[in-house]
Amino acid sequence: MVPRWKQRLGGVFMFLLGGAATGWTWYTALNKGYYYTKASMLFPAFCILGIGLIVFPGYKEERLARGEDISQLSGSQLLTPRWWVILVISLVVGFGNFLLLSTR
């Protein structure tokens, strides 16, 4: 299991990278007239996932803290309801950013 401080550090890295790349995407769209579609969706989502890691423990740690057996779970089965909400919010933010850029 990864220590909580390492998860938060990773979350800070994801947040900063996602935020900086989102800013860069907006800069190129407004000043140079182009943007990358995938970057306009992925980096804001990356930023939100980073915030989730800073604020909340990881999904595995959350399940283990509740005493659940995760030995038979893999992939998306490991996600808790909280992390499903964070994932959906990050995808909505990413798609919303793309829509804002495409209508400018």
N, C-alpha and C. Protein backbone atom coordinates (compact mmCIF):
# COMPACT_ATOMS: atom_id res chain seq x y z
N MET A 1 0.84 -1.17 0.00
CA MET A 1 0.00 0.00 0.00
C MET A 1 0.89 1.24 0.00
N VAL A 2 0.51 2.22 -0.81
CA VAL A 2 1.28 3.45 -0.95
C VAL A 2 0.97 4.38 0.22
N PRO A 3 2.01 4.96 0.84
CA PRO A 3 1.75 5.91 1.94
C PRO A 3 0.93 7.10 1.45
N ARG A 4 0.13 7.64 2.37
CA ARG A 4 -0.78 8.73 2.03
C ARG A 4 -0.02 9.96 1.51
N TRP A 5 1.15 10.25 2.07
CA TRP A 5 1.89 11.43 1.61
C TRP A 5 2.34 11.28 0.16
N LYS A 6 2.64 10.05 -0.26
CA LYS A 6 3.03 9.82 -1.65
C LYS A 6 1.83 9.99 -2.59
N GLN A 7 0.65 9.56 -2.13
CA GLN A 7 -0.55 9.77 -2.92
C GLN A 7 -0.83 11.25 -3.08
N ARG A 8 -0.70 12.00 -2.01
CA ARG A 8 -0.94 13.45 -2.08
C ARG A 8 0.10 14.12 -2.97
N LEU A 9 1.34 13.71 -2.86
CA LEU A 9 2.38 14.27 -3.72
C LEU A 9 2.08 13.99 -5.19
N GLY A 10 1.65 12.77 -5.48
CA GLY A 10 1.24 12.44 -6.84
C GLY A 10 0.05 13.27 -7.28
N GLY A 11 -0.90 13.49 -6.36
CA GLY A 11 -2.05 14.34 -6.66
C GLY A 11 -1.66 15.77 -6.96
N VAL A 12 -0.70 16.29 -6.20
CA VAL A 12 -0.21 17.65 -6.44
C VAL A 12 0.45 17.72 -7.82
N PHE A 13 1.25 16.71 -8.16
CA PHE A 13 1.89 16.66 -9.47
C PHE A 13 0.85 16.62 -10.59
N MET A 14 -0.18 15.76 -10.44
CA MET A 14 -1.23 15.66 -11.45
C MET A 14 -1.99 16.98 -11.58
N PHE A 15 -2.30 17.61 -10.44
CA PHE A 15 -3.02 18.87 -10.45
C PHE A 15 -2.21 19.96 -11.16
N LEU A 16 -0.93 20.07 -10.81
CA LEU A 16 -0.09 21.10 -11.42
C LEU A 16 0.12 20.86 -12.91
N LEU A 17 0.37 19.61 -13.28
CA LEU A 17 0.57 19.28 -14.69
C LEU A 17 -0.72 19.52 -15.47
N GLY A 18 -1.84 19.05 -14.94
CA GLY A 18 -3.11 19.24 -15.62
C GLY A 18 -3.49 20.70 -15.73
N GLY A 19 -3.28 21.46 -14.66
CA GLY A 19 -3.60 22.88 -14.68
C GLY A 19 -2.72 23.66 -15.64
N ALA A 20 -1.43 23.37 -15.61
CA ALA A 20 -0.50 24.07 -16.50
C ALA A 20 -0.80 23.74 -17.96
N ALA A 21 -1.07 22.50 -18.25
CA ALA A 21 -1.35 22.11 -19.63
C ALA A 21 -2.70 22.66 -20.10
N THR A 22 -3.66 22.77 -19.19
CA THR A 22 -4.94 23.38 -19.54
C THR A 22 -4.74 24.86 -19.86
N GLY A 23 -3.93 25.53 -19.04
CA GLY A 23 -3.60 26.93 -19.31
C GLY A 23 -2.90 27.10 -20.64
N TRP A 24 -1.98 26.21 -20.94
CA TRP A 24 -1.27 26.25 -22.21
C TRP A 24 -2.24 26.05 -23.37
N THR A 25 -3.19 25.13 -23.21
CA THR A 25 -4.19 24.89 -24.26
C THR A 25 -5.00 26.15 -24.52
N TRP A 26 -5.42 26.82 -23.45
CA TRP A 26 -6.18 28.06 -23.61
C TRP A 26 -5.31 29.15 -24.23
N TYR A 27 -4.06 29.22 -23.84
CA TYR A 27 -3.16 30.22 -24.41
C TYR A 27 -3.02 30.04 -25.92
N THR A 28 -2.78 28.81 -26.34
CA THR A 28 -2.61 28.57 -27.78
C THR A 28 -3.91 28.81 -28.53
N ALA A 29 -5.04 28.48 -27.92
CA ALA A 29 -6.33 28.69 -28.59
C ALA A 29 -6.62 30.17 -28.76
N LEU A 30 -6.37 30.96 -27.73
CA LEU A 30 -6.69 32.38 -27.79
C LEU A 30 -5.67 33.21 -28.55
N ASN A 31 -4.41 32.88 -28.43
CA ASN A 31 -3.36 33.71 -29.02
C ASN A 31 -2.83 33.20 -30.36
N LYS A 32 -2.89 31.92 -30.57
CA LYS A 32 -2.32 31.38 -31.80
C LYS A 32 -3.37 30.78 -32.73
N GLY A 33 -4.59 30.64 -32.23
CA GLY A 33 -5.69 30.20 -33.09
C GLY A 33 -5.85 28.70 -33.26
N TYR A 34 -5.15 27.90 -32.50
CA TYR A 34 -5.31 26.45 -32.60
C TYR A 34 -5.24 25.83 -31.21
N TYR A 35 -5.75 24.62 -31.08
CA TYR A 35 -5.63 23.84 -29.85
C TYR A 35 -5.73 22.36 -30.21
N TYR A 36 -5.25 21.54 -29.33
CA TYR A 36 -5.29 20.10 -29.54
C TYR A 36 -6.52 19.53 -28.83
N THR A 37 -7.36 18.86 -29.57
CA THR A 37 -8.63 18.37 -29.06
C THR A 37 -8.44 17.43 -27.87
N LYS A 38 -7.57 16.47 -28.01
CA LYS A 38 -7.37 15.51 -26.93
C LYS A 38 -6.82 16.19 -25.68
N ALA A 39 -5.90 17.11 -25.86
CA ALA A 39 -5.32 17.83 -24.73
C ALA A 39 -6.38 18.67 -24.04
N SER A 40 -7.30 19.25 -24.81
CA SER A 40 -8.33 20.09 -24.21
C SER A 40 -9.29 19.28 -23.34
N MET A 41 -9.37 17.98 -23.56
CA MET A 41 -10.23 17.13 -22.74
C MET A 41 -9.46 16.42 -21.62
N LEU A 42 -8.27 15.94 -21.93
CA LEU A 42 -7.54 15.12 -20.97
C LEU A 42 -6.92 15.90 -19.82
N PHE A 43 -6.33 17.04 -20.10
CA PHE A 43 -5.62 17.75 -19.04
C PHE A 43 -6.53 18.33 -17.95
N PRO A 44 -7.71 18.88 -18.29
CA PRO A 44 -8.59 19.30 -17.20
C PRO A 44 -9.07 18.11 -16.35
N ALA A 45 -9.32 16.97 -17.01
CA ALA A 45 -9.71 15.77 -16.26
C ALA A 45 -8.58 15.32 -15.35
N PHE A 46 -7.35 15.39 -15.84
CA PHE A 46 -6.17 15.04 -15.07
C PHE A 46 -6.06 15.93 -13.83
N CYS A 47 -6.36 17.20 -14.02
CA CYS A 47 -6.31 18.18 -12.92
C CYS A 47 -7.33 17.81 -11.83
N ILE A 48 -8.54 17.46 -12.22
CA ILE A 48 -9.59 17.09 -11.25
C ILE A 48 -9.22 15.80 -10.53
N LEU A 49 -8.68 14.83 -11.22
CA LEU A 49 -8.24 13.59 -10.57
C LEU A 49 -7.13 13.87 -9.56
N GLY A 50 -6.25 14.81 -9.88
CA GLY A 50 -5.21 15.21 -8.93
C GLY A 50 -5.80 15.80 -7.67
N ILE A 51 -6.82 16.66 -7.81
CA ILE A 51 -7.50 17.21 -6.64
C ILE A 51 -8.12 16.10 -5.82
N GLY A 52 -8.71 15.12 -6.50
CA GLY A 52 -9.29 13.97 -5.78
C GLY A 52 -8.26 13.22 -4.97
N LEU A 53 -7.07 13.03 -5.52
CA LEU A 53 -6.01 12.34 -4.79
C LEU A 53 -5.49 13.15 -3.61
N ILE A 54 -5.49 14.47 -3.75
CA ILE A 54 -5.05 15.31 -2.64
C ILE A 54 -6.04 15.24 -1.48
N VAL A 55 -7.33 15.28 -1.80
CA VAL A 55 -8.37 15.40 -0.78
C VAL A 55 -8.77 14.04 -0.19
N PHE A 56 -8.88 13.01 -1.03
CA PHE A 56 -9.39 11.72 -0.58
C PHE A 56 -8.32 10.63 -0.68
N PRO A 57 -8.43 9.60 0.15
CA PRO A 57 -7.52 8.46 -0.01
C PRO A 57 -7.85 7.70 -1.29
N GLY A 58 -6.90 6.93 -1.77
CA GLY A 58 -7.11 6.14 -2.98
C GLY A 58 -8.22 5.12 -2.79
N TYR A 59 -8.74 4.64 -3.90
CA TYR A 59 -9.86 3.71 -3.84
C TYR A 59 -9.50 2.39 -3.15
N LYS A 60 -8.29 1.90 -3.34
CA LYS A 60 -7.88 0.67 -2.66
C LYS A 60 -7.80 0.88 -1.15
N GLU A 61 -7.19 1.97 -0.76
CA GLU A 61 -7.06 2.27 0.67
C GLU A 61 -8.43 2.46 1.32
N GLU A 62 -9.34 3.07 0.57
CA GLU A 62 -10.69 3.27 1.09
C GLU A 62 -11.39 1.93 1.33
N ARG A 63 -11.25 1.02 0.40
CA ARG A 63 -11.87 -0.31 0.57
C ARG A 63 -11.20 -1.09 1.70
N LEU A 64 -9.88 -1.02 1.77
CA LEU A 64 -9.17 -1.75 2.83
C LEU A 64 -9.50 -1.18 4.21
N ALA A 65 -9.67 0.13 4.32
CA ALA A 65 -10.03 0.75 5.60
C ALA A 65 -11.41 0.30 6.07
N ARG A 66 -12.27 -0.03 5.13
CA ARG A 66 -13.60 -0.54 5.48
C ARG A 66 -13.59 -2.03 5.76
N GLY A 67 -12.43 -2.66 5.59
CA GLY A 67 -12.32 -4.08 5.88
C GLY A 67 -12.79 -4.98 4.75
N GLU A 68 -12.88 -4.46 3.56
CA GLU A 68 -13.34 -5.25 2.42
C GLU A 68 -12.19 -6.10 1.87
N ASP A 69 -12.55 -7.25 1.32
CA ASP A 69 -11.58 -8.12 0.67
C ASP A 69 -11.49 -7.71 -0.80
N ILE A 70 -10.33 -7.26 -1.21
CA ILE A 70 -10.17 -6.81 -2.59
C ILE A 70 -9.40 -7.81 -3.45
N SER A 71 -9.15 -8.99 -2.92
CA SER A 71 -8.34 -9.97 -3.65
C SER A 71 -9.03 -10.45 -4.93
N GLN A 72 -10.34 -10.42 -4.98
CA GLN A 72 -11.07 -10.88 -6.16
C GLN A 72 -11.47 -9.75 -7.09
N LEU A 73 -11.14 -8.51 -6.72
CA LEU A 73 -11.52 -7.35 -7.51
C LEU A 73 -10.35 -6.89 -8.38
N SER A 74 -10.67 -6.36 -9.54
CA SER A 74 -9.63 -5.80 -10.41
C SER A 74 -10.25 -4.70 -11.27
N GLY A 75 -9.40 -3.81 -11.74
CA GLY A 75 -9.84 -2.75 -12.64
C GLY A 75 -10.91 -1.86 -12.05
N SER A 76 -11.96 -1.65 -12.82
CA SER A 76 -13.02 -0.74 -12.40
C SER A 76 -13.85 -1.29 -11.23
N GLN A 77 -13.74 -2.57 -10.95
CA GLN A 77 -14.44 -3.14 -9.79
C GLN A 77 -13.90 -2.56 -8.49
N LEU A 78 -12.66 -2.11 -8.50
CA LEU A 78 -12.05 -1.56 -7.29
C LEU A 78 -12.56 -0.15 -6.96
N LEU A 79 -13.08 0.56 -7.95
CA LEU A 79 -13.53 1.93 -7.72
C LEU A 79 -14.69 1.97 -6.75
N THR A 80 -14.59 2.88 -5.81
CA THR A 80 -15.67 3.08 -4.85
C THR A 80 -16.64 4.12 -5.42
N PRO A 81 -17.84 4.22 -4.84
CA PRO A 81 -18.78 5.24 -5.34
C PRO A 81 -18.18 6.64 -5.35
N ARG A 82 -17.40 6.98 -4.33
CA ARG A 82 -16.74 8.30 -4.29
C ARG A 82 -15.84 8.50 -5.50
N TRP A 83 -15.06 7.49 -5.85
CA TRP A 83 -14.14 7.62 -6.98
C TRP A 83 -14.86 7.56 -8.32
N TRP A 84 -16.02 6.90 -8.38
CA TRP A 84 -16.83 6.97 -9.60
C TRP A 84 -17.32 8.39 -9.82
N VAL A 85 -17.73 9.06 -8.73
CA VAL A 85 -18.19 10.45 -8.83
C VAL A 85 -17.04 11.35 -9.28
N ILE A 86 -15.86 11.16 -8.70
CA ILE A 86 -14.70 11.96 -9.10
C ILE A 86 -14.37 11.72 -10.57
N LEU A 87 -14.43 10.47 -11.01
CA LEU A 87 -14.16 10.14 -12.41
C LEU A 87 -15.17 10.80 -13.33
N VAL A 88 -16.44 10.75 -12.99
CA VAL A 88 -17.48 11.36 -13.82
C VAL A 88 -17.30 12.87 -13.86
N ILE A 89 -17.03 13.49 -12.71
CA ILE A 89 -16.82 14.94 -12.67
C ILE A 89 -15.63 15.32 -13.54
N SER A 90 -14.55 14.55 -13.47
CA SER A 90 -13.36 14.88 -14.27
C SER A 90 -13.67 14.76 -15.76
N LEU A 91 -14.44 13.77 -16.16
CA LEU A 91 -14.79 13.63 -17.58
C LEU A 91 -15.72 14.75 -18.03
N VAL A 92 -16.66 15.15 -17.18
CA VAL A 92 -17.56 16.26 -17.52
C VAL A 92 -16.77 17.56 -17.65
N VAL A 93 -15.83 17.80 -16.73
CA VAL A 93 -15.01 19.01 -16.80
C VAL A 93 -14.16 19.01 -18.08
N GLY A 94 -13.58 17.87 -18.40
CA GLY A 94 -12.78 17.77 -19.62
C GLY A 94 -13.61 18.02 -20.87
N PHE A 95 -14.77 17.41 -20.95
CA PHE A 95 -15.63 17.62 -22.11
C PHE A 95 -16.15 19.05 -22.15
N GLY A 96 -16.47 19.61 -20.97
CA GLY A 96 -16.91 21.00 -20.91
C GLY A 96 -15.83 21.96 -21.39
N ASN A 97 -14.59 21.70 -21.03
CA ASN A 97 -13.49 22.53 -21.49
C ASN A 97 -13.37 22.46 -23.01
N PHE A 98 -13.51 21.27 -23.57
CA PHE A 98 -13.46 21.12 -25.01
C PHE A 98 -14.59 21.92 -25.67
N LEU A 99 -15.80 21.84 -25.11
CA LEU A 99 -16.92 22.59 -25.67
C LEU A 99 -16.67 24.10 -25.62
N LEU A 100 -16.12 24.58 -24.50
CA LEU A 100 -15.81 26.00 -24.40
C LEU A 100 -14.79 26.43 -25.44
N LEU A 101 -13.78 25.61 -25.63
CA LEU A 101 -12.76 25.95 -26.63
C LEU A 101 -13.31 25.88 -28.05
N SER A 102 -14.17 24.93 -28.32
CA SER A 102 -14.67 24.76 -29.69
C SER A 102 -15.68 25.83 -30.07
N THR A 103 -16.28 26.51 -29.10
CA THR A 103 -17.27 27.53 -29.42
C THR A 103 -16.69 28.94 -29.35
N ARG A 104 -15.42 29.06 -29.06
CA ARG A 104 -14.82 30.41 -28.92
C ARG A 104 -14.67 31.07 -30.25
